[in-house]
Structures are given as structure tokens and as C-alpha cells.
């Protein structure tokens, strides 16, 4: 389970800041799911997410992202 943390970066206006991505690309079979009783998004695989992003970019010219996976059950 991955729990997001609050983003609290304090920048220094005199020094350049570098960011590094971690946990960037899980296995295409990895299931992404919300925890809790009322999940905001339905379960989906990382491969399903990547395929949807590619389709959106091809058809619309931009990435839609997570709104494609909103849970309509609740």
C-alpha cells in the first residue's frame, strides 16, 4: 500500500532544486486500488492505465489520467 504524504517542500531562492521520481513505473500487472470503504477509483492495473493514457493522447492530444478510473458505484 502506498500512502501519499503532504508535499511540504521549502525552496531556497538562491539554490537550484532537483527532484527525483521514485516508484515511477510498477509492473504492468500491478493492481492499483484505493483503500477504505468508499474508494474514489475502481481497481485497475498499471498496464490498463498506461494504455488509456496512450489512447487519450492519440485521440485528444493530452493525458486525461485518473478521472478515467473514477468509481461510479458510490
Protein backbone atom coordinates (compact mmCIF):
# COMPACT_ATOMS: atom_id res chain seq x y z
CA UNK A 1 0.00 0.00 0.00
CA UNK A 2 1.30 3.44 -0.91
CA UNK A 3 0.15 6.34 1.20
CA UNK A 4 0.78 9.76 -0.26
CA UNK A 5 2.28 12.40 2.00
CA UNK A 6 1.63 16.11 2.13
CA UNK A 7 4.01 17.99 -0.17
CA UNK A 8 5.90 20.42 2.07
CA UNK A 9 8.96 21.48 0.08
CA UNK A 10 10.54 24.73 1.21
CA UNK A 11 12.51 26.18 -1.69
CA UNK A 12 15.66 28.21 -1.43
CA UNK A 13 15.53 31.11 -3.92
CA UNK A 14 19.34 31.18 -4.25
CA UNK A 15 19.97 27.46 -4.93
CA UNK A 16 18.66 25.34 -7.80
CA UNK A 17 16.39 22.47 -6.71
CA UNK A 18 16.43 18.96 -8.23
CA UNK A 19 13.63 16.39 -7.96
CA UNK A 20 13.88 12.64 -8.49
CA UNK A 21 10.95 10.33 -9.24
CA UNK A 22 10.62 7.15 -7.16
CA UNK A 23 8.13 4.31 -7.70
CA UNK A 24 7.81 5.57 -11.27
CA UNK A 25 6.65 2.52 -13.22
CA UNK A 26 5.35 -0.57 -11.43
CA UNK A 27 4.80 -3.84 -13.27
CA UNK A 28 2.10 -3.60 -15.94
CA UNK A 29 0.26 -6.34 -14.00
CA UNK A 30 0.36 -4.36 -10.72
CA UNK A 31 -3.14 -3.58 -9.46
CA UNK A 32 -3.75 -0.01 -8.33
CA UNK A 33 -6.51 0.22 -5.74
CA UNK A 34 -7.87 2.64 -3.15
CA UNK A 35 -8.07 1.66 0.48
CA UNK A 36 -11.10 2.31 2.64
CA UNK A 37 -14.82 1.69 2.47
CA UNK A 38 -15.70 4.18 -0.28
CA UNK A 39 -12.92 4.08 -2.86
CA UNK A 40 -12.76 7.10 -5.17
CA UNK A 41 -11.41 5.00 -8.06
CA UNK A 42 -12.14 1.50 -9.30
CA UNK A 43 -9.30 -1.04 -9.24
CA UNK A 44 -7.16 -1.02 -12.37
CA UNK A 45 -3.79 -2.36 -13.49
CA UNK A 46 -0.87 -0.11 -14.30
CA UNK A 47 -0.94 -1.58 -17.84
CA UNK A 48 -4.60 -0.56 -18.19
CA UNK A 49 -3.71 2.97 -17.02
CA UNK A 50 -0.81 3.27 -19.50
CA UNK A 51 -2.98 2.00 -22.37
CA UNK A 52 -5.70 4.55 -21.54
CA UNK A 53 -3.14 7.38 -21.39
CA UNK A 54 -1.80 6.42 -24.83
CA UNK A 55 -5.33 6.27 -26.27
CA UNK A 56 -6.21 9.67 -24.76
CA UNK A 57 -3.08 11.32 -26.14
CA UNK A 58 -3.73 9.82 -29.57
CA UNK A 59 -7.42 10.86 -29.67
CA UNK A 60 -7.41 14.09 -27.64
CA UNK A 61 -3.82 15.30 -27.77
CA UNK A 62 -3.42 15.25 -23.98
CA UNK A 63 -3.43 12.88 -20.99
CA UNK A 64 -6.68 12.64 -19.02
CA UNK A 65 -5.26 10.43 -16.25
CA UNK A 66 -7.07 9.23 -13.12
CA UNK A 67 -10.52 10.71 -13.88
CA UNK A 68 -10.91 7.84 -16.39
CA UNK A 69 -10.96 5.42 -13.43
CA UNK A 70 -13.43 7.14 -11.08
CA UNK A 71 -15.57 4.65 -9.21
CA UNK A 72 -19.17 5.03 -10.39
CA UNK A 73 -20.52 2.58 -7.81
CA UNK A 74 -20.66 5.11 -4.94
